[in-house]
Amino acid sequence: MFLTSKKIAVNTLLLYFTQLFHGMNYKVIALLVVCIAVVAATGCMGLGSSTSPQGSSANDNSVRYQSEAKMAYAGSPAPVPTQAFSQSGSGTSIIETKIIKTASLTLEVKDIPGAVETLKSIAAQKGGYLSSTNVQKGYNDRLTGSVVIRIPQAEFENALIGVKAIGTVKSISTQGQDVTEEYVDLQAQITSYQNQLAQYNAIMKQSTKVEDIIKVQEQIDRVQTELNRLEGRLKYLNSRIDLSTITVSLQEPEPVGGESGHNFVSTINEGIAGFFGMIDAIIIIFLALLPLIILGGIGYGIYRWKKGKKPAVIPSEITEKK
């Protein structure tokens, strides 16, 4: 389009000069026409061949904007420019994922006290600690135990391998709880309350009336209480995130012959317990039926008393009747 406009302008200019020099000599007119044509052609060639980076960039931007406008007009979404993510500078920062890792295992070991000491040693080697232990004697003198250890999250998998190696694994389960959203929300709330606290402190310094000071102090106490609660929750999450929890249930192998086996002393004890249980049952039944026994005895006594008051039949009267 631009070259076509230039040609039209040149032709118009030639026509103007032709009319202007109509009364002049034809040789002079022809010479002027040739000069003008040469100058115009040189300008057109220069415009067509000389391009700068800025012009090219402007043309590319113009084409891109026109394309986006056409797409938007047609109902299609315009292309979204790509933005690089970075952790520094003015770019968007990447949020670190916060995961709470826990595991639960059931192990069969021959020596439960020894297994507890081994778990304590594993926790210490991995930079953790033994949180709690519970060992007790159950039926048939079998020992059972429960141990909870806290391990740095970076050593969670290695510690889990070491724990499984001390016995026979009967069951195992691992969990990973994503608390990133709650963590970020807590940080945002803490920042907000810290800003509010700073503003109230600044207002407190400028307050002179007792009423204003009391009102501002109430707001400071409220904000400080909420801030302490949020900071406590954040510390708890950091503790759960930084130190993973492994809960280990320990049990001894089942004895040969079944869980109970045979124990003569236990049989005698069960028989004695059954004997005393029977006596207890008799006593309970007797006490339960005691009101009926008392009522029955009273009724029987009344019956005997009435029967004793009835007059005896005279034998002579019986003979006369005959």
C-alpha atoms as a PDB file:
ATOM      1  CA  MET A   1       0.000   0.000   0.000  1.00  0.00           C
ATOM      2  CA  PHE A   2       2.780   2.414   0.875  1.00  0.00           C
ATOM      3  CA  LEU A   3       4.546   2.003  -2.523  1.00  0.00           C
ATOM      4  CA  THR A   4       1.280   2.410  -4.407  1.00  0.00           C
ATOM      5  CA  SER A   5       0.621   5.719  -2.615  1.00  0.00           C
ATOM      6  CA  LYS A   6       4.128   6.895  -3.563  1.00  0.00           C
ATOM      7  CA  LYS A   7       3.546   6.097  -7.234  1.00  0.00           C
ATOM      8  CA  ILE A   8       0.236   7.992  -7.244  1.00  0.00           C
ATOM      9  CA  ALA A   9       1.949  10.990  -5.684  1.00  0.00           C
ATOM     10  CA  VAL A  10       4.739  10.892  -8.308  1.00  0.00           C
ATOM     11  CA  ASN A  11       2.267  10.680 -11.180  1.00  0.00           C
ATOM     12  CA  THR A  12       0.307  13.599  -9.745  1.00  0.00           C
ATOM     13  CA  LEU A  13       3.496  15.608  -9.431  1.00  0.00           C
ATOM     14  CA  LEU A  14       4.462  14.855 -13.051  1.00  0.00           C
ATOM     15  CA  LEU A  15       1.051  15.942 -14.249  1.00  0.00           C
ATOM     16  CA  TYR A  16       1.381  19.184 -12.301  1.00  0.00           C
ATOM     17  CA  PHE A  17       4.772  19.983 -13.779  1.00  0.00           C
ATOM     18  CA  THR A  18       3.537  19.090 -17.265  1.00  0.00           C
ATOM     19  CA  GLN A  19       0.779  21.644 -17.001  1.00  0.00           C
ATOM     20  CA  LEU A  20       3.156  24.147 -15.427  1.00  0.00           C
ATOM     21  CA  PHE A  21       5.678  23.933 -18.206  1.00  0.00           C
ATOM     22  CA  HIS A  22       3.199  23.538 -20.996  1.00  0.00           C
ATOM     23  CA  GLY A  23       4.481  26.643 -22.738  1.00  0.00           C
ATOM     24  CA  MET A  24       8.148  25.697 -22.358  1.00  0.00           C
ATOM     25  CA  ASN A  25      10.424  23.885 -24.760  1.00  0.00           C
ATOM     26  CA  TYR A  26       9.737  20.159 -25.059  1.00  0.00           C
ATOM     27  CA  LYS A  27      13.396  19.256 -24.545  1.00  0.00           C
ATOM     28  CA  VAL A  28      13.552  21.138 -21.243  1.00  0.00           C
ATOM     29  CA  ILE A  29      10.306  19.595 -20.109  1.00  0.00           C
ATOM     30  CA  ALA A  30      11.504  16.080 -20.954  1.00  0.00           C
ATOM     31  CA  LEU A  31      14.771  16.682 -19.062  1.00  0.00           C
ATOM     32  CA  LEU A  32      12.875  17.848 -15.960  1.00  0.00           C
ATOM     33  CA  VAL A  33      10.546  14.852 -16.144  1.00  0.00           C
ATOM     34  CA  VAL A  34      13.499  12.444 -16.355  1.00  0.00           C
ATOM     35  CA  CYS A  35      15.175  14.063 -13.316  1.00  0.00           C
ATOM     36  CA  ILE A  36      12.030  13.946 -11.268  1.00  0.00           C
ATOM     37  CA  ALA A  37      11.443  10.289 -12.184  1.00  0.00           C
ATOM     38  CA  VAL A  38      14.999   9.327 -11.198  1.00  0.00           C
ATOM     39  CA  VAL A  39      14.708  11.080  -7.803  1.00  0.00           C
ATOM     40  CA  ALA A  40      11.326   9.438  -7.087  1.00  0.00           C
ATOM     41  CA  ALA A  41      12.566   5.995  -8.049  1.00  0.00           C
ATOM     42  CA  THR A  42      15.625   6.365  -5.811  1.00  0.00           C
ATOM     43  CA  GLY A  43      13.444   7.357  -2.833  1.00  0.00           C
ATOM     44  CA  CYS A  44      11.090   4.442  -3.357  1.00  0.00           C
ATOM     45  CA  MET A  45      13.983   1.988  -3.583  1.00  0.00           C
ATOM     46  CA  GLY A  46      15.506   3.396  -0.381  1.00  0.00           C
ATOM     47  CA  LEU A  47      12.248   3.054   1.500  1.00  0.00           C
ATOM     48  CA  GLY A  48      11.752  -0.484   0.310  1.00  0.00           C
ATOM     49  CA  SER A  49      15.303  -1.729   1.020  1.00  0.00           C
ATOM     50  CA  SER A  50      16.250   0.089   4.268  1.00  0.00           C
ATOM     51  CA  THR A  51      14.624  -1.500   7.354  1.00  0.00           C
ATOM     52  CA  SER A  52      15.575  -0.988  10.972  1.00  0.00           C
ATOM     53  CA  PRO A  53      15.122  -3.409  13.942  1.00  0.00           C
ATOM     54  CA  GLN A  54      12.765  -0.999  15.636  1.00  0.00           C
ATOM     55  CA  GLY A  55      10.528  -0.807  12.554  1.00  0.00           C
ATOM     56  CA  SER A  56      10.514  -4.577  12.248  1.00  0.00           C
ATOM     57  CA  SER A  57       9.660  -4.946  15.899  1.00  0.00           C
ATOM     58  CA  ALA A  58       6.871  -2.387  15.595  1.00  0.00           C
ATOM     59  CA  ASN A  59       5.471  -4.204  12.566  1.00  0.00           C
ATOM     60  CA  ASP A  60       5.630  -7.540  14.428  1.00  0.00           C
ATOM     61  CA  ASN A  61       3.844  -6.032  17.416  1.00  0.00           C
ATOM     62  CA  SER A  62       1.242  -4.502  15.129  1.00  0.00           C
ATOM     63  CA  VAL A  63       0.638  -7.858  13.447  1.00  0.00           C
ATOM     64  CA  ARG A  64       0.448  -9.634  16.833  1.00  0.00           C
ATOM     65  CA  TYR A  65      -2.033  -7.111  18.258  1.00  0.00           C
ATOM     66  CA  GLN A  66      -4.164  -7.319  15.123  1.00  0.00           C
ATOM     67  CA  SER A  67      -4.122 -11.117  15.348  1.00  0.00           C
ATOM     68  CA  GLU A  68      -5.132 -11.034  19.019  1.00  0.00           C
ATOM     69  CA  ALA A  69      -7.900  -8.549  18.252  1.00  0.00           C
ATOM     70  CA  LYS A  70      -9.249 -10.809  15.499  1.00  0.00           C
ATOM     71  CA  MET A  71      -9.156 -13.829  17.813  1.00  0.00           C
ATOM     72  CA  ALA A  72     -10.944 -11.952  20.576  1.00  0.00           C
ATOM     73  CA  TYR A  73     -13.562 -10.690  18.126  1.00  0.00           C
ATOM     74  CA  ALA A  74     -14.094 -14.235  16.866  1.00  0.00           C
ATOM     75  CA  GLY A  75     -14.661 -15.528  20.401  1.00  0.00           C
ATOM     76  CA  SER A  76     -11.306 -17.293  20.846  1.00  0.00           C
ATOM     77  CA  PRO A  77      -9.097 -16.457  23.863  1.00  0.00           C
ATOM     78  CA  ALA A  78      -6.054 -14.363  23.125  1.00  0.00           C
ATOM     79  CA  PRO A  79      -2.679 -15.998  23.804  1.00  0.00           C
ATOM     80  CA  VAL A  80      -1.390 -15.336  27.329  1.00  0.00           C
ATOM     81  CA  PRO A  81       2.221 -14.218  27.576  1.00  0.00           C
ATOM     82  CA  THR A  82       4.496 -16.653  29.396  1.00  0.00           C
ATOM     83  CA  GLN A  83       5.953 -15.500  32.730  1.00  0.00           C
ATOM     84  CA  ALA A  84       8.989 -17.145  34.305  1.00  0.00           C
ATOM     85  CA  PHE A  85       8.832 -18.044  37.995  1.00  0.00           C
ATOM     86  CA  SER A  86      11.734 -17.122  40.214  1.00  0.00           C
ATOM     87  CA  GLN A  87      12.466 -17.039  43.895  1.00  0.00           C
ATOM     88  CA  SER A  88      14.243 -13.698  43.849  1.00  0.00           C
ATOM     89  CA  GLY A  89      13.661 -10.317  42.270  1.00  0.00           C
ATOM     90  CA  SER A  90      10.279  -9.097  41.185  1.00  0.00           C
ATOM     91  CA  GLY A  91       9.102 -12.460  39.791  1.00  0.00           C
ATOM     92  CA  THR A  92       6.518 -14.700  41.414  1.00  0.00           C
ATOM     93  CA  SER A  93       7.999 -16.720  44.282  1.00  0.00           C
ATOM     94  CA  ILE A  94       7.524 -20.502  44.519  1.00  0.00           C
ATOM     95  CA  ILE A  95       5.766 -21.720  47.677  1.00  0.00           C
ATOM     96  CA  GLU A  96       7.543 -24.583  49.446  1.00  0.00           C
ATOM     97  CA  THR A  97       5.323 -27.603  50.060  1.00  0.00           C
ATOM     98  CA  LYS A  98       4.799 -28.492  53.718  1.00  0.00           C
ATOM     99  CA  ILE A  99       4.199 -32.204  54.423  1.00  0.00           C
ATOM    100  CA  ILE A 100       3.651 -33.966  57.769  1.00  0.00           C
ATOM    101  CA  LYS A 101       4.943 -37.548  57.481  1.00  0.00           C
ATOM    102  CA  THR A 102       3.860 -40.321  59.857  1.00  0.00           C
ATOM    103  CA  ALA A 103       4.195 -44.116  59.898  1.00  0.00           C
ATOM    104  CA  SER A 104       2.699 -46.973  61.942  1.00  0.00           C
ATOM    105  CA  LEU A 105       4.237 -50.448  62.148  1.00  0.00           C
ATOM    106  CA  THR A 106       3.504 -53.724  63.922  1.00  0.00           C
ATOM    107  CA  LEU A 107       6.626 -55.827  64.494  1.00  0.00           C
ATOM    108  CA  GLU A 108       7.082 -59.318  65.897  1.00  0.00           C
ATOM    109  CA  VAL A 109      10.302 -59.542  67.941  1.00  0.00           C
ATOM    110  CA  LYS A 110      11.705 -62.116  70.352  1.00  0.00           C
ATOM    111  CA  ASP A 111      13.069 -59.593  72.846  1.00  0.00           C
ATOM    112  CA  ILE A 112      10.788 -56.609  73.381  1.00  0.00           C
ATOM    113  CA  PRO A 113      13.000 -54.741  75.911  1.00  0.00           C
ATOM    114  CA  GLY A 114      15.953 -55.172  73.560  1.00  0.00           C
ATOM    115  CA  ALA A 115      13.847 -53.922  70.627  1.00  0.00           C
ATOM    116  CA  VAL A 116      12.934 -50.807  72.614  1.00  0.00           C
ATOM    117  CA  GLU A 117      16.620 -50.042  73.178  1.00  0.00           C
ATOM    118  CA  THR A 118      17.336 -50.616  69.482  1.00  0.00           C
ATOM    119  CA  LEU A 119      14.601 -48.166  68.466  1.00  0.00           C
ATOM    120  CA  LYS A 120      15.996 -45.618  70.902  1.00  0.00           C
ATOM    121  CA  SER A 121      19.439 -46.019  69.331  1.00  0.00           C
ATOM    122  CA  ILE A 122      18.033 -45.625  65.783  1.00  0.00           C
ATOM    123  CA  ALA A 123      16.270 -42.400  66.770  1.00  0.00           C
ATOM    124  CA  ALA A 124      19.459 -40.980  68.299  1.00  0.00           C
ATOM    125  CA  GLN A 125      21.563 -41.910  65.250  1.00  0.00           C
ATOM    126  CA  LYS A 126      19.149 -40.131  62.893  1.00  0.00           C
ATOM    127  CA  GLY A 127      19.061 -36.958  64.985  1.00  0.00           C
ATOM    128  CA  GLY A 128      15.718 -37.693  66.644  1.00  0.00           C
ATOM    129  CA  TYR A 129      14.574 -38.917  70.024  1.00  0.00           C
ATOM    130  CA  LEU A 130      12.389 -41.478  71.780  1.00  0.00           C
ATOM    131  CA  SER A 131       9.028 -39.831  72.459  1.00  0.00           C
ATOM    132  CA  SER A 132       7.254 -42.502  74.540  1.00  0.00           C
ATOM    133  CA  THR A 133       7.406 -46.203  75.466  1.00  0.00           C
ATOM    134  CA  ASN A 134       4.882 -48.628  76.950  1.00  0.00           C
ATOM    135  CA  VAL A 135       5.710 -52.289  77.742  1.00  0.00           C
ATOM    136  CA  GLN A 136       3.207 -54.552  79.494  1.00  0.00           C
ATOM    137  CA  LYS A 137       2.611 -58.246  80.198  1.00  0.00           C
ATOM    138  CA  GLY A 138      -0.521 -59.776  78.752  1.00  0.00           C
ATOM    139  CA  TYR A 139      -2.237 -63.161  78.805  1.00  0.00           C
ATOM    140  CA  ASN A 140       0.022 -66.198  79.218  1.00  0.00           C
ATOM    141  CA  ASP A 141       2.866 -63.869  80.283  1.00  0.00           C
ATOM    142  CA  ARG A 142       3.371 -62.544  76.765  1.00  0.00           C
ATOM    143  CA  LEU A 143       4.934 -59.092  76.504  1.00  0.00           C
ATOM    144  CA  THR A 144       3.621 -56.351  74.247  1.00  0.00           C
ATOM    145  CA  GLY A 145       4.953 -52.854  73.762  1.00  0.00           C
ATOM    146  CA  SER A 146       4.416 -49.561  71.985  1.00  0.00           C
ATOM    147  CA  VAL A 147       7.195 -47.111  71.059  1.00  0.00           C
ATOM    148  CA  VAL A 148       6.912 -43.646  69.465  1.00  0.00           C
ATOM    149  CA  ILE A 149      10.008 -42.016  67.964  1.00  0.00           C
ATOM    150  CA  ARG A 150      10.468 -38.597  66.308  1.00  0.00           C
ATOM    151  CA  ILE A 151      12.829 -38.431  63.317  1.00  0.00           C
ATOM    152  CA  PRO A 152      13.931 -35.458  61.131  1.00  0.00           C
ATOM    153  CA  GLN A 153      11.936 -35.535  57.902  1.00  0.00           C
ATOM    154  CA  ALA A 154      15.080 -35.846  55.789  1.00  0.00           C
ATOM    155  CA  GLU A 155      15.912 -39.142  57.593  1.00  0.00           C
ATOM    156  CA  PHE A 156      12.374 -40.520  57.594  1.00  0.00           C
ATOM    157  CA  GLU A 157      12.858 -43.165  54.890  1.00  0.00           C
ATOM    158  CA  ASN A 158      16.240 -44.324  56.213  1.00  0.00           C
ATOM    159  CA  ALA A 159      14.890 -44.577  59.758  1.00  0.00           C
ATOM    160  CA  LEU A 160      11.897 -46.580  58.508  1.00  0.00           C
ATOM    161  CA  ILE A 161      14.246 -49.082  56.858  1.00  0.00           C
ATOM    162  CA  GLY A 162      16.185 -49.484  60.107  1.00  0.00           C
ATOM    163  CA  VAL A 163      12.998 -49.975  62.154  1.00  0.00           C
ATOM    164  CA  LYS A 164      11.690 -52.710  59.824  1.00  0.00           C
ATOM    165  CA  ALA A 165      15.005 -54.568  60.107  1.00  0.00           C
ATOM    166  CA  ILE A 166      14.723 -55.283  63.859  1.00  0.00           C
ATOM    167  CA  GLY A 167      11.853 -57.781  63.522  1.00  0.00           C
ATOM    168  CA  THR A 168       9.174 -59.346  61.357  1.00  0.00           C
ATOM    169  CA  VAL A 169       6.794 -56.788  59.884  1.00  0.00           C
ATOM    170  CA  LYS A 170       3.169 -57.752  60.471  1.00  0.00           C
ATOM    171  CA  SER A 171       1.632 -54.499  59.207  1.00  0.00           C
ATOM    172  CA  ILE A 172       2.820 -51.075  58.061  1.00  0.00           C
ATOM    173  CA  SER A 173       1.186 -47.859  56.925  1.00  0.00           C
ATOM    174  CA  THR A 174       2.606 -44.436  56.020  1.00  0.00           C
ATOM    175  CA  GLN A 175       0.800 -41.120  55.656  1.00  0.00           C
ATOM    176  CA  GLY A 176       1.736 -37.730  54.211  1.00  0.00           C
ATOM    177  CA  GLN A 177      -0.505 -34.800  55.198  1.00  0.00           C
ATOM    178  CA  ASP A 178      -0.178 -31.677  53.049  1.00  0.00           C
ATOM    179  CA  VAL A 179      -0.533 -28.593  55.285  1.00  0.00           C
ATOM    180  CA  THR A 180       0.854 -26.037  52.823  1.00  0.00           C
ATOM    181  CA  GLU A 181      -2.411 -24.115  52.545  1.00  0.00           C
ATOM    182  CA  GLU A 182      -2.860 -23.856  56.317  1.00  0.00           C
ATOM    183  CA  TYR A 183       0.808 -22.907  56.751  1.00  0.00           C
ATOM    184  CA  VAL A 184       0.643 -20.061  54.228  1.00  0.00           C
ATOM    185  CA  ASP A 185      -2.663 -18.841  55.682  1.00  0.00           C
ATOM    186  CA  LEU A 186      -1.171 -18.750  59.182  1.00  0.00           C
ATOM    187  CA  GLN A 187       1.803 -16.746  57.959  1.00  0.00           C
ATOM    188  CA  ALA A 188      -0.492 -14.239  56.260  1.00  0.00           C
ATOM    189  CA  GLN A 189      -2.655 -13.863  59.370  1.00  0.00           C
ATOM    190  CA  ILE A 190       0.394 -13.417  61.600  1.00  0.00           C
ATOM    191  CA  THR A 191       1.727 -10.674  59.324  1.00  0.00           C
ATOM    192  CA  SER A 192      -1.661  -8.932  59.359  1.00  0.00           C
ATOM    193  CA  TYR A 193      -1.925  -9.014  63.156  1.00  0.00           C
ATOM    194  CA  GLN A 194       1.652  -7.812  63.531  1.00  0.00           C
ATOM    195  CA  ASN A 195       0.832  -4.803  61.363  1.00  0.00           C
ATOM    196  CA  GLN A 196      -2.309  -4.112  63.417  1.00  0.00           C
ATOM    197  CA  LEU A 197      -0.314  -4.359  66.633  1.00  0.00           C
ATOM    198  CA  ALA A 198       2.261  -1.874  65.351  1.00  0.00           C
ATOM    199  CA  GLN A 199      -0.495   0.567  64.391  1.00  0.00           C
ATOM    200  CA  TYR A 200      -2.221   0.301  67.779  1.00  0.00           C
ATOM    201  CA  ASN A 201       1.102   0.836  69.548  1.00  0.00           C
ATOM    202  CA  ALA A 202       1.664   3.973  67.473  1.00  0.00           C
ATOM    203  CA  ILE A 203      -1.835   5.211  68.353  1.00  0.00           C
ATOM    204  CA  MET A 204      -1.187   4.445  72.021  1.00  0.00           C
ATOM    205  CA  LYS A 205       1.886   6.702  72.022  1.00  0.00           C
ATOM    206  CA  GLN A 206      -0.185   9.593  70.647  1.00  0.00           C
ATOM    207  CA  SER A 207      -3.205   9.091  72.937  1.00  0.00           C
ATOM    208  CA  THR A 208      -3.646  11.491  75.834  1.00  0.00           C
ATOM    209  CA  LYS A 209      -7.170  10.788  77.110  1.00  0.00           C
ATOM    210  CA  VAL A 210      -7.704   7.954  79.558  1.00  0.00           C
ATOM    211  CA  GLU A 211     -10.744   6.665  77.654  1.00  0.00           C
ATOM    212  CA  ASP A 212      -8.797   6.482  74.405  1.00  0.00           C
ATOM    213  CA  ILE A 213      -5.900   4.722  76.121  1.00  0.00           C
ATOM    214  CA  ILE A 214      -8.239   2.101  77.624  1.00  0.00           C
ATOM    215  CA  LYS A 215      -9.927   1.411  74.285  1.00  0.00           C
ATOM    216  CA  VAL A 216      -6.619   1.132  72.442  1.00  0.00           C
ATOM    217  CA  GLN A 217      -5.232  -1.156  75.158  1.00  0.00           C
ATOM    218  CA  GLU A 218      -8.231  -3.451  74.783  1.00  0.00           C
ATOM    219  CA  GLN A 219      -7.555  -3.721  71.059  1.00  0.00           C
ATOM    220  CA  ILE A 220      -3.856  -4.365  71.706  1.00  0.00           C
ATOM    221  CA  ASP A 221      -4.713  -7.177  74.140  1.00  0.00           C
ATOM    222  CA  ARG A 222      -7.146  -8.722  71.665  1.00  0.00           C
ATOM    223  CA  VAL A 223      -4.674  -8.612  68.779  1.00  0.00           C
ATOM    224  CA  GLN A 224      -1.819  -9.897  70.956  1.00  0.00           C
ATOM    225  CA  THR A 225      -3.912 -12.839  72.171  1.00  0.00           C
ATOM    226  CA  GLU A 226      -4.845 -13.837  68.628  1.00  0.00           C
ATOM    227  CA  LEU A 227      -1.256 -13.355  67.492  1.00  0.00           C
ATOM    228  CA  ASN A 228       0.023 -15.652  70.256  1.00  0.00           C
ATOM    229  CA  ARG A 229      -2.510 -18.316  69.274  1.00  0.00           C
ATOM    230  CA  LEU A 230      -1.506 -18.217  65.606  1.00  0.00           C
ATOM    231  CA  GLU A 231       2.199 -18.278  66.423  1.00  0.00           C
ATOM    232  CA  GLY A 232       1.634 -21.289  68.689  1.00  0.00           C
ATOM    233  CA  ARG A 233      -0.193 -23.130  65.919  1.00  0.00           C
ATOM    234  CA  LEU A 234       2.612 -22.293  63.483  1.00  0.00           C
ATOM    235  CA  LYS A 235       5.234 -23.619  65.910  1.00  0.00           C
ATOM    236  CA  TYR A 236       3.237 -26.843  66.288  1.00  0.00           C
ATOM    237  CA  LEU A 237       3.072 -27.294  62.506  1.00  0.00           C
ATOM    238  CA  ASN A 238       6.812 -26.629  62.198  1.00  0.00           C
ATOM    239  CA  SER A 239       7.466 -29.280  64.837  1.00  0.00           C
ATOM    240  CA  ARG A 240       5.275 -31.849  63.047  1.00  0.00           C
ATOM    241  CA  ILE A 241       6.810 -30.987  59.677  1.00  0.00           C
ATOM    242  CA  ASP A 242      10.448 -30.954  60.765  1.00  0.00           C
ATOM    243  CA  LEU A 243      10.186 -34.119  62.894  1.00  0.00           C
ATOM    244  CA  SER A 244       8.263 -37.064  61.464  1.00  0.00           C
ATOM    245  CA  THR A 245       6.517 -39.539  63.790  1.00  0.00           C
ATOM    246  CA  ILE A 246       6.998 -43.332  63.673  1.00  0.00           C
ATOM    247  CA  THR A 247       4.783 -45.455  65.956  1.00  0.00           C
ATOM    248  CA  VAL A 248       5.937 -49.052  66.482  1.00  0.00           C
ATOM    249  CA  SER A 249       3.791 -51.768  68.098  1.00  0.00           C
ATOM    250  CA  LEU A 250       5.860 -54.689  69.404  1.00  0.00           C
ATOM    251  CA  GLN A 251       4.683 -58.232  70.133  1.00  0.00           C
ATOM    252  CA  GLU A 252       6.329 -61.564  70.925  1.00  0.00           C
ATOM    253  CA  PRO A 253       5.930 -64.613  68.665  1.00  0.00           C
ATOM    254  CA  GLU A 254       2.935 -66.842  69.360  1.00  0.00           C
ATOM    255  CA  PRO A 255       3.911 -69.911  71.462  1.00  0.00           C
ATOM    256  CA  VAL A 256       3.909 -73.393  69.964  1.00  0.00           C
ATOM    257  CA  GLY A 257       0.523 -75.074  70.389  1.00  0.00           C
ATOM    258  CA  GLY A 258      -1.515 -71.950  70.094  1.00  0.00           C
ATOM    259  CA  GLU A 259      -2.060 -68.778  72.003  1.00  0.00           C
ATOM    260  CA  SER A 260      -3.071 -70.431  75.289  1.00  0.00           C
ATOM    261  CA  GLY A 261      -1.192 -73.748  75.208  1.00  0.00           C
ATOM    262  CA  HIS A 262      -1.625 -76.085  78.237  1.00  0.00           C
ATOM    263  CA  ASN A 263      -0.970 -74.995  81.796  1.00  0.00           C
ATOM    264  CA  PHE A 264      -1.932 -77.369  84.678  1.00  0.00           C
ATOM    265  CA  VAL A 265      -1.779 -74.618  87.285  1.00  0.00           C
ATOM    266  CA  SER A 266      -4.055 -72.431  85.149  1.00  0.00           C
ATOM    267  CA  THR A 267      -6.531 -75.335  84.903  1.00  0.00           C
ATOM    268  CA  ILE A 268      -6.663 -75.734  88.725  1.00  0.00           C
ATOM    269  CA  ASN A 269      -7.082 -72.002  89.148  1.00  0.00           C
ATOM    270  CA  GLU A 270      -9.914 -71.972  86.640  1.00  0.00           C
ATOM    271  CA  GLY A 271     -11.609 -74.878  88.499  1.00  0.00           C
ATOM    272  CA  ILE A 272     -11.331 -73.090  91.852  1.00  0.00           C
ATOM    273  CA  ALA A 273     -12.634 -69.931  90.250  1.00  0.00           C
ATOM    274  CA  GLY A 274     -15.582 -71.902  88.846  1.00  0.00           C
ATOM    275  CA  PHE A 275     -16.352 -73.405  92.299  1.00  0.00           C
ATOM    276  CA  PHE A 276     -16.424 -70.006  93.949  1.00  0.00           C
ATOM    277  CA  GLY A 277     -18.414 -68.702  91.031  1.00  0.00           C
ATOM    278  CA  MET A 278     -21.051 -71.378  91.622  1.00  0.00           C
ATOM    279  CA  ILE A 279     -21.261 -70.461  95.323  1.00  0.00           C
ATOM    280  CA  ASP A 280     -21.662 -66.840  94.375  1.00  0.00           C
ATOM    281  CA  ALA A 281     -24.476 -67.794  92.003  1.00  0.00           C
ATOM    282  CA  ILE A 282     -26.278 -69.775  94.717  1.00  0.00           C
ATOM    283  CA  ILE A 283     -26.032 -66.883  97.139  1.00  0.00           C
ATOM    284  CA  ILE A 284     -27.361 -64.496  94.520  1.00  0.00           C
ATOM    285  CA  ILE A 285     -30.293 -66.812  93.695  1.00  0.00           C
ATOM    286  CA  PHE A 286     -31.102 -67.305  97.392  1.00  0.00           C
ATOM    287  CA  LEU A 287     -31.135 -63.589  98.102  1.00  0.00           C
ATOM    288  CA  ALA A 288     -33.245 -62.977  95.012  1.00  0.00           C
ATOM    289  CA  LEU A 289     -35.838 -65.593  96.092  1.00  0.00           C
ATOM    290  CA  LEU A 290     -35.756 -64.658  99.805  1.00  0.00           C
ATOM    291  CA  PRO A 291     -38.887 -62.429  99.653  1.00  0.00           C
ATOM    292  CA  LEU A 292     -40.857 -65.281  98.034  1.00  0.00           C
ATOM    293  CA  ILE A 293     -39.610 -67.742 100.652  1.00  0.00           C
ATOM    294  CA  ILE A 294     -40.686 -65.414 103.472  1.00  0.00           C
ATOM    295  CA  LEU A 295     -44.146 -64.885 101.935  1.00  0.00           C
ATOM    296  CA  GLY A 296     -44.537 -68.629 101.381  1.00  0.00           C
ATOM    297  CA  GLY A 297     -43.592 -69.362 105.013  1.00  0.00           C
ATOM    298  CA  ILE A 298     -46.086 -66.803 106.297  1.00  0.00           C
ATOM    299  CA  GLY A 299     -48.874 -68.294 104.154  1.00  0.00           C
ATOM    300  CA  TYR A 300     -48.079 -71.821 105.290  1.00  0.00           C
ATOM    301  CA  GLY A 301     -48.138 -70.699 108.946  1.00  0.00           C
ATOM    302  CA  ILE A 302     -51.557 -69.102 108.522  1.00  0.00           C
ATOM    303  CA  TYR A 303     -52.857 -72.269 106.881  1.00  0.00           C
ATOM    304  CA  ARG A 304     -51.635 -74.411 109.771  1.00  0.00           C
ATOM    305  CA  TRP A 305     -53.117 -72.022 112.316  1.00  0.00           C
ATOM    306  CA  LYS A 306     -56.578 -72.118 110.726  1.00  0.00           C
ATOM    307  CA  LYS A 307     -56.497 -75.874 110.461  1.00  0.00           C
ATOM    308  CA  GLY A 308     -55.693 -76.169 114.175  1.00  0.00           C
ATOM    309  CA  LYS A 309     -58.759 -74.046 115.221  1.00  0.00           C
ATOM    310  CA  LYS A 310     -61.309 -76.228 113.332  1.00  0.00           C
ATOM    311  CA  PRO A 311     -63.537 -78.314 115.923  1.00  0.00           C
ATOM    312  CA  ALA A 312     -63.095 -82.076 115.971  1.00  0.00           C
ATOM    313  CA  VAL A 313     -65.987 -84.405 114.942  1.00  0.00           C
ATOM    314  CA  ILE A 314     -67.647 -86.358 117.905  1.00  0.00           C
ATOM    315  CA  PRO A 315     -67.822 -90.160 117.317  1.00  0.00           C
ATOM    316  CA  SER A 316     -71.412 -90.493 118.810  1.00  0.00           C
ATOM    317  CA  GLU A 317     -72.731 -88.051 116.290  1.00  0.00           C
ATOM    318  CA  ILE A 318     -71.200 -90.107 113.562  1.00  0.00           C
ATOM    319  CA  THR A 319     -72.907 -93.272 114.951  1.00  0.00           C
ATOM    320  CA  GLU A 320     -76.329 -91.632 115.079  1.00  0.00           C
ATOM    321  CA  LYS A 321     -76.041 -90.590 111.553  1.00  0.00           C
ATOM    322  CA  LYS A 322     -75.387 -94.117 110.546  1.00  0.00           C
END
